Protein backbone atom coordinates (compact mmCIF):
# COMPACT_ATOMS: atom_id res chain seq x y z
CA UNK A 1 -0.03 -0.07 0.00
CA UNK A 2 1.24 3.55 -0.67
CA UNK A 3 0.15 7.04 -0.70
CA UNK A 4 -0.60 8.21 -4.36
CA UNK A 5 0.96 11.36 -5.80
CA UNK A 6 -0.19 10.89 -9.37
CA UNK A 7 -3.19 12.55 -11.11
CA UNK A 8 -6.48 11.03 -10.03
CA UNK A 9 -8.65 12.48 -12.71
CA UNK A 10 -10.76 10.12 -14.37
CA UNK A 11 -11.45 7.77 -11.37
CA UNK A 12 -15.20 7.27 -10.35
CA UNK A 13 -15.40 7.29 -6.52
CA UNK A 14 -17.91 5.38 -4.57
CA UNK A 15 -18.88 5.84 -0.90
CA UNK A 16 -20.29 3.02 1.00
CA UNK A 17 -24.06 2.56 1.15
CA UNK A 18 -23.64 2.15 4.91
CA UNK A 19 -22.67 5.82 5.12
CA UNK A 20 -25.39 8.15 6.43
CA UNK A 21 -26.12 11.64 4.94
CA UNK A 22 -24.80 13.10 8.04
CA UNK A 23 -21.04 12.84 7.53
CA UNK A 24 -19.26 10.73 9.88
CA UNK A 25 -16.42 8.51 9.18
CA UNK A 26 -16.41 6.69 5.84
CA UNK A 27 -13.84 6.09 2.97
CA UNK A 28 -14.58 6.33 -0.80
CA UNK A 29 -13.00 3.66 -3.08
CA UNK A 30 -12.28 3.93 -6.89
CA UNK A 31 -10.91 1.11 -9.10
CA UNK A 32 -8.22 1.60 -11.45
CA UNK A 33 -6.89 -0.56 -14.11
CA UNK A 34 -4.14 -2.01 -12.04
CA UNK A 35 -5.21 -0.80 -8.37
CA UNK A 36 -7.88 0.06 -6.04
CA UNK A 37 -7.67 3.86 -4.62
CA UNK A 38 -9.02 4.82 -1.09
CA UNK A 39 -9.56 8.22 0.33
CA UNK A 40 -11.26 9.81 3.29
CA UNK A 41 -14.83 10.91 2.28
CA UNK A 42 -14.60 14.01 4.34
CA UNK A 43 -11.42 15.28 2.34
CA UNK A 44 -12.60 14.20 -1.12
CA UNK A 45 -10.30 15.60 -3.70
CA UNK A 46 -8.08 17.23 -1.05
CA UNK A 47 -6.55 14.65 1.10
CA UNK A 48 -4.32 11.77 0.69
CA UNK A 49 -5.16 8.86 -1.40
CA UNK A 50 -3.94 5.28 -0.98
CA UNK A 51 -3.23 2.99 -3.83
CA UNK A 52 -3.71 -0.79 -3.12
CA UNK A 53 -3.06 -3.68 -5.44
CA UNK A 54 -6.15 -5.47 -6.78
CA UNK A 55 -5.16 -8.82 -5.06
CA UNK A 56 -4.38 -7.09 -1.82
CA UNK A 57 -7.78 -5.26 -2.03
CA UNK A 58 -9.63 -8.51 -2.81
CA UNK A 59 -7.88 -10.29 0.22
CA UNK A 60 -8.75 -7.17 2.52
CA UNK A 61 -12.56 -7.19 1.49
CA UNK A 62 -12.86 -10.92 1.71
CA UNK A 63 -11.43 -10.77 5.49
CA UNK A 64 -13.49 -7.77 6.20
CA UNK A 65 -16.64 -9.72 5.14
CA UNK A 66 -15.68 -12.72 7.41
CA UNK A 67 -14.74 -14.94 4.72
CA UNK A 68 -11.41 -16.69 3.92
CA UNK A 69 -8.64 -14.85 2.28
CA UNK A 70 -8.77 -14.46 -1.49
């Protein structure tokens, strides 16, 4: 995982459906060709962005969902 310093134009960001409209703690995720990008929804477009490999992201989401590692 690394902090991204490249141009983020052209990515389509998604916020969790579990996020309420009142703000709070949430992340936004965008899928690129070779990586998944993650940022804090409160700093959209202005804060740091992390780039995670697709395989690493799949393993993370499988574990977060309570399943076996992908």
